[in-house]
């Protein structure tokens, strides 16, 4: 039986897979940062939605990666948590 680690190692030999994997990692990192910031602030999705003037389901879609937020939306999200948005290119 092939383990998950072995399967990943095999897939990582394919340049197309590597490119898609790296792109997905960046997207998940952004979503994780948003959720972590909200959790550390002790704010629920519903509370954040109220602060932003939107719905809890819109916050769920945003945090779930089902929408691609604009920079303005990310700034609004950050401000609603008492934070500021910082974007870096590395």
PDB file of N, CA and C in Angstrom:
ATOM      1  N   UNK A   1       0.842  -1.177   0.000  1.00  0.00           N
ATOM      2  CA  UNK A   1       0.000   0.000   0.000  1.00  0.00           C
ATOM      3  C   UNK A   1       0.893   1.248   0.000  1.00  0.00           C
ATOM      4  N   UNK A   2       0.569   2.197  -0.847  1.00  0.00           N
ATOM      5  CA  UNK A   2       1.334   3.432  -0.957  1.00  0.00           C
ATOM      6  C   UNK A   2       0.905   4.401   0.138  1.00  0.00           C
ATOM      7  N   UNK A   3       1.885   4.980   0.829  1.00  0.00           N
ATOM      8  CA  UNK A   3       1.566   5.956   1.867  1.00  0.00           C
ATOM      9  C   UNK A   3       1.359   7.327   1.222  1.00  0.00           C
ATOM     10  N   UNK A   4       0.758   8.224   1.965  1.00  0.00           N
ATOM     11  CA  UNK A   4       0.538   9.574   1.481  1.00  0.00           C
ATOM     12  C   UNK A   4       1.864  10.265   1.172  1.00  0.00           C
ATOM     13  N   UNK A   5       2.851  10.065   2.036  1.00  0.00           N
ATOM     14  CA  UNK A   5       4.170  10.673   1.820  1.00  0.00           C
ATOM     15  C   UNK A   5       4.809  10.160   0.535  1.00  0.00           C
ATOM     16  N   UNK A   6       4.685   8.860   0.273  1.00  0.00           N
ATOM     17  CA  UNK A   6       5.245   8.293  -0.948  1.00  0.00           C
ATOM     18  C   UNK A   6       4.532   8.837  -2.181  1.00  0.00           C
ATOM     19  N   UNK A   7       3.228   8.952  -2.096  1.00  0.00           N
ATOM     20  CA  UNK A   7       2.438   9.465  -3.200  1.00  0.00           C
ATOM     21  C   UNK A   7       2.807  10.923  -3.488  1.00  0.00           C
ATOM     22  N   UNK A   8       2.941  11.709  -2.438  1.00  0.00           N
ATOM     23  CA  UNK A   8       3.335  13.106  -2.615  1.00  0.00           C
ATOM     24  C   UNK A   8       4.712  13.194  -3.258  1.00  0.00           C
ATOM     25  N   UNK A   9       5.633  12.387  -2.806  1.00  0.00           N
ATOM     26  CA  UNK A   9       6.991  12.371  -3.360  1.00  0.00           C
ATOM     27  C   UNK A   9       6.940  12.067  -4.863  1.00  0.00           C
ATOM     28  N   UNK A  10       6.098  11.114  -5.256  1.00  0.00           N
ATOM     29  CA  UNK A  10       5.964  10.772  -6.678  1.00  0.00           C
ATOM     30  C   UNK A  10       5.390  11.948  -7.464  1.00  0.00           C
ATOM     31  N   UNK A  11       4.344  12.559  -6.937  1.00  0.00           N
ATOM     32  CA  UNK A  11       3.721  13.694  -7.620  1.00  0.00           C
ATOM     33  C   UNK A  11       4.669  14.877  -7.733  1.00  0.00           C
ATOM     34  N   UNK A  12       5.518  15.071  -6.725  1.00  0.00           N
ATOM     35  CA  UNK A  12       6.427  16.209  -6.720  1.00  0.00           C
ATOM     36  C   UNK A  12       7.509  16.090  -7.803  1.00  0.00           C
ATOM     37  N   UNK A  13       7.575  14.979  -8.485  1.00  0.00           N
ATOM     38  CA  UNK A  13       8.502  14.823  -9.607  1.00  0.00           C
ATOM     39  C   UNK A  13       7.935  15.428 -10.889  1.00  0.00           C
ATOM     40  N   UNK A  14       6.635  15.743 -10.880  1.00  0.00           N
ATOM     41  CA  UNK A  14       5.956  16.318 -12.039  1.00  0.00           C
ATOM     42  C   UNK A  14       5.961  17.845 -11.920  1.00  0.00           C
ATOM     43  N   UNK A  15       6.645  18.562 -12.829  1.00  0.00           N
ATOM     44  CA  UNK A  15       6.745  20.027 -12.741  1.00  0.00           C
ATOM     45  C   UNK A  15       5.381  20.728 -12.729  1.00  0.00           C
ATOM     46  N   UNK A  16       4.413  20.214 -13.463  1.00  0.00           N
ATOM     47  CA  UNK A  16       3.075  20.822 -13.468  1.00  0.00           C
ATOM     48  C   UNK A  16       2.416  20.689 -12.094  1.00  0.00           C
ATOM     49  N   UNK A  17       2.587  19.534 -11.477  1.00  0.00           N
ATOM     50  CA  UNK A  17       2.028  19.327 -10.141  1.00  0.00           C
ATOM     51  C   UNK A  17       2.695  20.258  -9.147  1.00  0.00           C
ATOM     52  N   UNK A  18       4.004  20.390  -9.234  1.00  0.00           N
ATOM     53  CA  UNK A  18       4.755  21.258  -8.316  1.00  0.00           C
ATOM     54  C   UNK A  18       4.258  22.699  -8.428  1.00  0.00           C
ATOM     55  N   UNK A  19       4.042  23.168  -9.648  1.00  0.00           N
ATOM     56  CA  UNK A  19       3.561  24.538  -9.851  1.00  0.00           C
ATOM     57  C   UNK A  19       2.180  24.724  -9.230  1.00  0.00           C
ATOM     58  N   UNK A  20       1.288  23.778  -9.457  1.00  0.00           N
ATOM     59  CA  UNK A  20      -0.059  23.869  -8.887  1.00  0.00           C
ATOM     60  C   UNK A  20      -0.021  23.768  -7.363  1.00  0.00           C
ATOM     61  N   UNK A  21       0.832  22.920  -6.859  1.00  0.00           N
ATOM     62  CA  UNK A  21       0.977  22.738  -5.412  1.00  0.00           C
ATOM     63  C   UNK A  21       1.458  24.032  -4.757  1.00  0.00           C
ATOM     64  N   UNK A  22       2.465  24.655  -5.344  1.00  0.00           N
ATOM     65  CA  UNK A  22       3.016  25.889  -4.777  1.00  0.00           C
ATOM     66  C   UNK A  22       1.988  27.015  -4.810  1.00  0.00           C
ATOM     67  N   UNK A  23       1.187  27.069  -5.856  1.00  0.00           N
ATOM     68  CA  UNK A  23       0.136  28.080  -5.943  1.00  0.00           C
ATOM     69  C   UNK A  23      -0.913  27.852  -4.862  1.00  0.00           C
ATOM     70  N   UNK A  24      -1.291  26.617  -4.649  1.00  0.00           N
ATOM     71  CA  UNK A  24      -2.292  26.294  -3.629  1.00  0.00           C
ATOM     72  C   UNK A  24      -1.766  26.586  -2.231  1.00  0.00           C
ATOM     73  N   UNK A  25      -0.495  26.331  -2.001  1.00  0.00           N
ATOM     74  CA  UNK A  25       0.103  26.588  -0.690  1.00  0.00           C
ATOM     75  C   UNK A  25      -0.012  28.071  -0.345  1.00  0.00           C
ATOM     76  N   UNK A  26       0.234  28.935  -1.328  1.00  0.00           N
ATOM     77  CA  UNK A  26       0.131  30.375  -1.095  1.00  0.00           C
ATOM     78  C   UNK A  26      -1.300  30.778  -0.758  1.00  0.00           C
ATOM     79  N   UNK A  27      -2.264  30.229  -1.481  1.00  0.00           N
ATOM     80  CA  UNK A  27      -3.669  30.552  -1.213  1.00  0.00           C
ATOM     81  C   UNK A  27      -4.064  30.101   0.190  1.00  0.00           C
ATOM     82  N   UNK A  28      -3.701  28.887   0.549  1.00  0.00           N
ATOM     83  CA  UNK A  28      -4.056  28.379   1.870  1.00  0.00           C
ATOM     84  C   UNK A  28      -3.359  29.166   2.975  1.00  0.00           C
ATOM     85  N   UNK A  29      -2.157  29.630   2.724  1.00  0.00           N
ATOM     86  CA  UNK A  29      -1.443  30.427   3.721  1.00  0.00           C
ATOM     87  C   UNK A  29      -2.182  31.734   3.986  1.00  0.00           C
ATOM     88  N   UNK A  30      -2.710  32.350   2.937  1.00  0.00           N
ATOM     89  CA  UNK A  30      -3.465  33.599   3.106  1.00  0.00           C
ATOM     90  C   UNK A  30      -4.741  33.358   3.906  1.00  0.00           C
ATOM     91  N   UNK A  31      -5.461  32.296   3.568  1.00  0.00           N
ATOM     92  CA  UNK A  31      -6.692  31.972   4.311  1.00  0.00           C
ATOM     93  C   UNK A  31      -6.375  31.651   5.769  1.00  0.00           C
ATOM     94  N   UNK A  32      -5.306  30.898   5.977  1.00  0.00           N
ATOM     95  CA  UNK A  32      -4.911  30.543   7.334  1.00  0.00           C
ATOM     96  C   UNK A  32      -4.560  31.793   8.148  1.00  0.00           C
ATOM     97  N   UNK A  33      -3.873  32.746   7.521  1.00  0.00           N
ATOM     98  CA  UNK A  33      -3.514  33.985   8.217  1.00  0.00           C
ATOM     99  C   UNK A  33      -4.770  34.761   8.622  1.00  0.00           C
ATOM    100  N   UNK A  34      -5.756  34.785   7.753  1.00  0.00           N
ATOM    101  CA  UNK A  34      -7.004  35.484   8.065  1.00  0.00           C
ATOM    102  C   UNK A  34      -7.716  34.818   9.243  1.00  0.00           C
ATOM    103  N   UNK A  35      -7.856  33.527   9.181  1.00  0.00           N
ATOM    104  CA  UNK A  35      -8.561  32.800  10.236  1.00  0.00           C
ATOM    105  C   UNK A  35      -7.807  32.916  11.553  1.00  0.00           C
ATOM    106  N   UNK A  36      -6.484  32.825  11.499  1.00  0.00           N
ATOM    107  CA  UNK A  36      -5.667  32.940  12.708  1.00  0.00           C
ATOM    108  C   UNK A  36      -5.837  34.327  13.334  1.00  0.00           C
ATOM    109  N   UNK A  37      -5.822  35.373  12.509  1.00  0.00           N
ATOM    110  CA  UNK A  37      -5.981  36.742  13.017  1.00  0.00           C
ATOM    111  C   UNK A  37      -7.340  36.906  13.694  1.00  0.00           C
ATOM    112  N   UNK A  38      -8.370  36.357  13.076  1.00  0.00           N
ATOM    113  CA  UNK A  38      -9.711  36.461  13.666  1.00  0.00           C
ATOM    114  C   UNK A  38      -9.787  35.692  14.975  1.00  0.00           C
ATOM    115  N   UNK A  39      -9.235  34.485  14.995  1.00  0.00           N
ATOM    116  CA  UNK A  39      -9.273  33.659  16.203  1.00  0.00           C
ATOM    117  C   UNK A  39      -8.480  34.307  17.339  1.00  0.00           C
ATOM    118  N   UNK A  40      -7.307  34.846  17.017  1.00  0.00           N
ATOM    119  CA  UNK A  40      -6.482  35.497  18.039  1.00  0.00           C
ATOM    120  C   UNK A  40      -7.161  36.741  18.589  1.00  0.00           C
ATOM    121  N   UNK A  41      -8.020  37.348  17.786  1.00  0.00           N
ATOM    122  CA  UNK A  41      -8.761  38.524  18.236  1.00  0.00           C
ATOM    123  C   UNK A  41      -9.989  38.138  19.046  1.00  0.00           C
ATOM    124  N   UNK A  42     -10.302  36.844  19.081  1.00  0.00           N
ATOM    125  CA  UNK A  42     -11.459  36.369  19.830  1.00  0.00           C
ATOM    126  C   UNK A  42     -12.783  36.799  19.221  1.00  0.00           C
ATOM    127  N   UNK A  43     -12.806  36.895  17.896  1.00  0.00           N
ATOM    128  CA  UNK A  43     -13.984  37.378  17.185  1.00  0.00           C
ATOM    129  C   UNK A  43     -14.578  36.231  16.366  1.00  0.00           C
ATOM    130  N   UNK A  44     -15.882  36.072  16.431  1.00  0.00           N
ATOM    131  CA  UNK A  44     -16.548  35.047  15.626  1.00  0.00           C
ATOM    132  C   UNK A  44     -16.775  35.581  14.213  1.00  0.00           C
ATOM    133  N   UNK A  45     -17.104  34.677  13.313  1.00  0.00           N
ATOM    134  CA  UNK A  45     -17.424  35.102  11.952  1.00  0.00           C
ATOM    135  C   UNK A  45     -18.610  36.066  11.964  1.00  0.00           C
ATOM    136  N   UNK A  46     -19.597  35.788  12.787  1.00  0.00           N
ATOM    137  CA  UNK A  46     -20.783  36.649  12.863  1.00  0.00           C
ATOM    138  C   UNK A  46     -20.416  38.042  13.367  1.00  0.00           C
ATOM    139  N   UNK A  47     -19.572  38.109  14.384  1.00  0.00           N
ATOM    140  CA  UNK A  47     -19.141  39.407  14.915  1.00  0.00           C
ATOM    141  C   UNK A  47     -18.338  40.178  13.872  1.00  0.00           C
ATOM    142  N   UNK A  48     -17.460  39.487  13.186  1.00  0.00           N
ATOM    143  CA  UNK A  48     -16.656  40.129  12.150  1.00  0.00           C
ATOM    144  C   UNK A  48     -17.547  40.638  11.025  1.00  0.00           C
ATOM    145  N   UNK A  49     -18.508  39.828  10.639  1.00  0.00           N
ATOM    146  CA  UNK A  49     -19.437  40.229   9.583  1.00  0.00           C
ATOM    147  C   UNK A  49     -20.176  41.509   9.967  1.00  0.00           C
ATOM    148  N   UNK A  50     -20.621  41.584  11.200  1.00  0.00           N
ATOM    149  CA  UNK A  50     -21.329  42.778  11.665  1.00  0.00           C
ATOM    150  C   UNK A  50     -20.414  44.003  11.589  1.00  0.00           C
ATOM    151  N   UNK A  51     -19.180  43.841  12.016  1.00  0.00           N
ATOM    152  CA  UNK A  51     -18.212  44.937  11.977  1.00  0.00           C
ATOM    153  C   UNK A  51     -17.932  45.396  10.550  1.00  0.00           C
ATOM    154  N   UNK A  52     -17.972  44.448   9.616  1.00  0.00           N
ATOM    155  CA  UNK A  52     -17.667  44.760   8.221  1.00  0.00           C
ATOM    156  C   UNK A  52     -18.903  45.161   7.430  1.00  0.00           C
ATOM    157  N   UNK A  53     -20.070  45.015   8.032  1.00  0.00           N
ATOM    158  CA  UNK A  53     -21.301  45.340   7.322  1.00  0.00           C
ATOM    159  C   UNK A  53     -21.673  44.314   6.273  1.00  0.00           C
ATOM    160  N   UNK A  54     -21.422  43.054   6.592  1.00  0.00           N
ATOM    161  CA  UNK A  54     -21.736  41.970   5.658  1.00  0.00           C
ATOM    162  C   UNK A  54     -22.385  40.827   6.434  1.00  0.00           C
ATOM    163  N   UNK A  55     -22.438  39.652   5.852  1.00  0.00           N
ATOM    164  CA  UNK A  55     -23.062  38.496   6.495  1.00  0.00           C
ATOM    165  C   UNK A  55     -22.016  37.478   6.936  1.00  0.00           C
ATOM    166  N   UNK A  56     -22.409  36.633   7.868  1.00  0.00           N
ATOM    167  CA  UNK A  56     -21.523  35.564   8.334  1.00  0.00           C
ATOM    168  C   UNK A  56     -21.190  34.629   7.187  1.00  0.00           C
ATOM    169  N   UNK A  57     -22.156  34.367   6.312  1.00  0.00           N
ATOM    170  CA  UNK A  57     -21.892  33.454   5.196  1.00  0.00           C
ATOM    171  C   UNK A  57     -20.864  34.051   4.230  1.00  0.00           C
ATOM    172  N   UNK A  58     -20.850  35.375   4.091  1.00  0.00           N
ATOM    173  CA  UNK A  58     -19.835  36.021   3.236  1.00  0.00           C
ATOM    174  C   UNK A  58     -18.446  35.847   3.846  1.00  0.00           C
ATOM    175  N   UNK A  59     -18.352  35.946   5.166  1.00  0.00           N
ATOM    176  CA  UNK A  59     -17.066  35.734   5.848  1.00  0.00           C
ATOM    177  C   UNK A  59     -16.634  34.284   5.678  1.00  0.00           C
ATOM    178  N   UNK A  60     -17.571  33.346   5.791  1.00  0.00           N
ATOM    179  CA  UNK A  60     -17.255  31.925   5.616  1.00  0.00           C
ATOM    180  C   UNK A  60     -16.731  31.661   4.209  1.00  0.00           C
ATOM    181  N   UNK A  61     -17.351  32.263   3.205  1.00  0.00           N
ATOM    182  CA  UNK A  61     -16.876  32.088   1.819  1.00  0.00           C
ATOM    183  C   UNK A  61     -15.477  32.681   1.659  1.00  0.00           C
ATOM    184  N   UNK A  62     -15.259  33.833   2.258  1.00  0.00           N
ATOM    185  CA  UNK A  62     -13.959  34.498   2.190  1.00  0.00           C
ATOM    186  C   UNK A  62     -12.884  33.640   2.837  1.00  0.00           C
ATOM    187  N   UNK A  63     -13.148  33.168   4.045  1.00  0.00           N
ATOM    188  CA  UNK A  63     -12.159  32.353   4.769  1.00  0.00           C
ATOM    189  C   UNK A  63     -12.013  30.958   4.181  1.00  0.00           C
ATOM    190  N   UNK A  64     -13.020  30.504   3.464  1.00  0.00           N
ATOM    191  CA  UNK A  64     -12.973  29.168   2.872  1.00  0.00           C
ATOM    192  C   UNK A  64     -12.327  29.137   1.502  1.00  0.00           C
ATOM    193  N   UNK A  65     -11.954  30.317   0.998  1.00  0.00           N
ATOM    194  CA  UNK A  65     -11.284  30.369  -0.293  1.00  0.00           C
ATOM    195  C   UNK A  65     -12.215  30.251  -1.478  1.00  0.00           C
ATOM    196  N   UNK A  66     -13.513  30.419  -1.256  1.00  0.00           N
ATOM    197  CA  UNK A  66     -14.456  30.290  -2.364  1.00  0.00           C
ATOM    198  C   UNK A  66     -14.605  31.588  -3.154  1.00  0.00           C
ATOM    199  N   UNK A  67     -13.968  32.652  -2.679  1.00  0.00           N
ATOM    200  CA  UNK A  67     -13.944  33.922  -3.401  1.00  0.00           C
ATOM    201  C   UNK A  67     -12.515  34.456  -3.388  1.00  0.00           C
ATOM    202  N   UNK A  68     -12.200  35.273  -4.360  1.00  0.00           N
ATOM    203  CA  UNK A  68     -10.889  35.928  -4.395  1.00  0.00           C
ATOM    204  C   UNK A  68     -11.097  37.372  -3.954  1.00  0.00           C
ATOM    205  N   UNK A  69     -10.697  37.693  -2.730  1.00  0.00           N
ATOM    206  CA  UNK A  69     -10.972  39.032  -2.215  1.00  0.00           C
ATOM    207  C   UNK A  69     -10.085  40.105  -2.840  1.00  0.00           C
ATOM    208  N   UNK A  70     -10.623  41.305  -2.923  1.00  0.00           N
ATOM    209  CA  UNK A  70      -9.832  42.447  -3.378  1.00  0.00           C
ATOM    210  C   UNK A  70      -8.952  42.916  -2.222  1.00  0.00           C
ATOM    211  N   UNK A  71      -7.986  43.742  -2.529  1.00  0.00           N
ATOM    212  CA  UNK A  71      -7.137  44.323  -1.490  1.00  0.00           C
ATOM    213  C   UNK A  71      -8.014  45.148  -0.547  1.00  0.00           C
ATOM    214  N   UNK A  72      -8.993  45.856  -1.093  1.00  0.00           N
ATOM    215  CA  UNK A  72      -9.891  46.663  -0.262  1.00  0.00           C
ATOM    216  C   UNK A  72     -10.645  45.787   0.741  1.00  0.00           C
ATOM    217  N   UNK A  73     -11.085  44.628   0.306  1.00  0.00           N
ATOM    218  CA  UNK A  73     -11.793  43.708   1.215  1.00  0.00           C
ATOM    219  C   UNK A  73     -10.854  43.202   2.297  1.00  0.00           C
ATOM    220  N   UNK A  74      -9.633  42.863   1.929  1.00  0.00           N
ATOM    221  CA  UNK A  74      -8.660  42.398   2.916  1.00  0.00           C
ATOM    222  C   UNK A  74      -8.336  43.498   3.925  1.00  0.00           C
ATOM    223  N   UNK A  75      -8.256  44.743   3.456  1.00  0.00           N
ATOM    224  CA  UNK A  75      -8.012  45.864   4.362  1.00  0.00           C
ATOM    225  C   UNK A  75      -9.188  46.037   5.326  1.00  0.00           C
ATOM    226  N   UNK A  76     -10.384  45.924   4.812  1.00  0.00           N
ATOM    227  CA  UNK A  76     -11.582  46.050   5.646  1.00  0.00           C
ATOM    228  C   UNK A  76     -11.617  44.932   6.697  1.00  0.00           C
ATOM    229  N   UNK A  77     -11.265  43.730   6.282  1.00  0.00           N
ATOM    230  CA  UNK A  77     -11.205  42.573   7.174  1.00  0.00           C
ATOM    231  C   UNK A  77     -10.218  42.859   8.307  1.00  0.00           C
ATOM    232  N   UNK A  78      -9.024  43.313   7.928  1.00  0.00           N
ATOM    233  CA  UNK A  78      -7.982  43.596   8.922  1.00  0.00           C
ATOM    234  C   UNK A  78      -8.424  44.697   9.881  1.00  0.00           C
ATOM    235  N   UNK A  79      -8.952  45.781   9.343  1.00  0.00           N
ATOM    236  CA  UNK A  79      -9.389  46.905  10.192  1.00  0.00           C
ATOM    237  C   UNK A  79     -10.490  46.482  11.158  1.00  0.00           C
ATOM    238  N   UNK A  80     -11.371  45.611  10.710  1.00  0.00           N
ATOM    239  CA  UNK A  80     -12.463  45.138  11.575  1.00  0.00           C
ATOM    240  C   UNK A  80     -11.927  44.340  12.761  1.00  0.00           C
ATOM    241  N   UNK A  81     -10.691  43.861  12.640  1.00  0.00           N
ATOM    242  CA  UNK A  81     -10.046  43.120  13.721  1.00  0.00           C
ATOM    243  C   UNK A  81      -9.055  43.992  14.488  1.00  0.00           C
ATOM    244  N   UNK A  82      -9.003  45.271  14.141  1.00  0.00           N
ATOM    245  CA  UNK A  82      -8.060  46.169  14.796  1.00  0.00           C
ATOM    246  C   UNK A  82      -6.636  45.947  14.332  1.00  0.00           C
ATOM    247  N   UNK A  83      -6.494  45.439  13.117  1.00  0.00           N
ATOM    248  CA  UNK A  83      -5.176  45.146  12.552  1.00  0.00           C
ATOM    249  C   UNK A  83      -5.005  45.933  11.267  1.00  0.00           C
ATOM    250  N   UNK A  84      -3.839  45.807  10.659  1.00  0.00           N
ATOM    251  CA  UNK A  84      -3.618  46.404   9.348  1.00  0.00           C
ATOM    252  C   UNK A  84      -3.103  45.324   8.413  1.00  0.00           C
ATOM    253  N   UNK A  85      -3.374  45.508   7.153  1.00  0.00           N
ATOM    254  CA  UNK A  85      -2.955  44.552   6.131  1.00  0.00           C
ATOM    255  C   UNK A  85      -1.526  44.850   5.705  1.00  0.00           C
ATOM    256  N   UNK A  86      -0.724  43.800   5.590  1.00  0.00           N
ATOM    257  CA  UNK A  86       0.645  43.922   5.118  1.00  0.00           C
ATOM    258  C   UNK A  86       0.841  42.849   4.035  1.00  0.00           C
ATOM    259  N   UNK A  87       1.206  43.296   2.855  1.00  0.00           N
ATOM    260  CA  UNK A  87       1.435  42.376   1.742  1.00  0.00           C
ATOM    261  C   UNK A  87       2.910  42.430   1.378  1.00  0.00           C
ATOM    262  N   UNK A  88       3.524  41.258   1.217  1.00  0.00           N
ATOM    263  CA  UNK A  88       4.940  41.192   0.861  1.00  0.00           C
ATOM    264  C   UNK A  88       5.129  40.315  -0.364  1.00  0.00           C
ATOM    265  N   UNK A  89       6.103  40.673  -1.148  1.00  0.00           N
ATOM    266  CA  UNK A  89       6.548  39.801  -2.238  1.00  0.00           C
ATOM    267  C   UNK A  89       7.944  39.335  -1.873  1.00  0.00           C
ATOM    268  N   UNK A  90       8.151  38.035  -1.933  1.00  0.00           N
ATOM    269  CA  UNK A  90       9.449  37.483  -1.577  1.00  0.00           C
ATOM    270  C   UNK A  90      10.007  36.666  -2.725  1.00  0.00           C
TER     271      UNK A  90
END
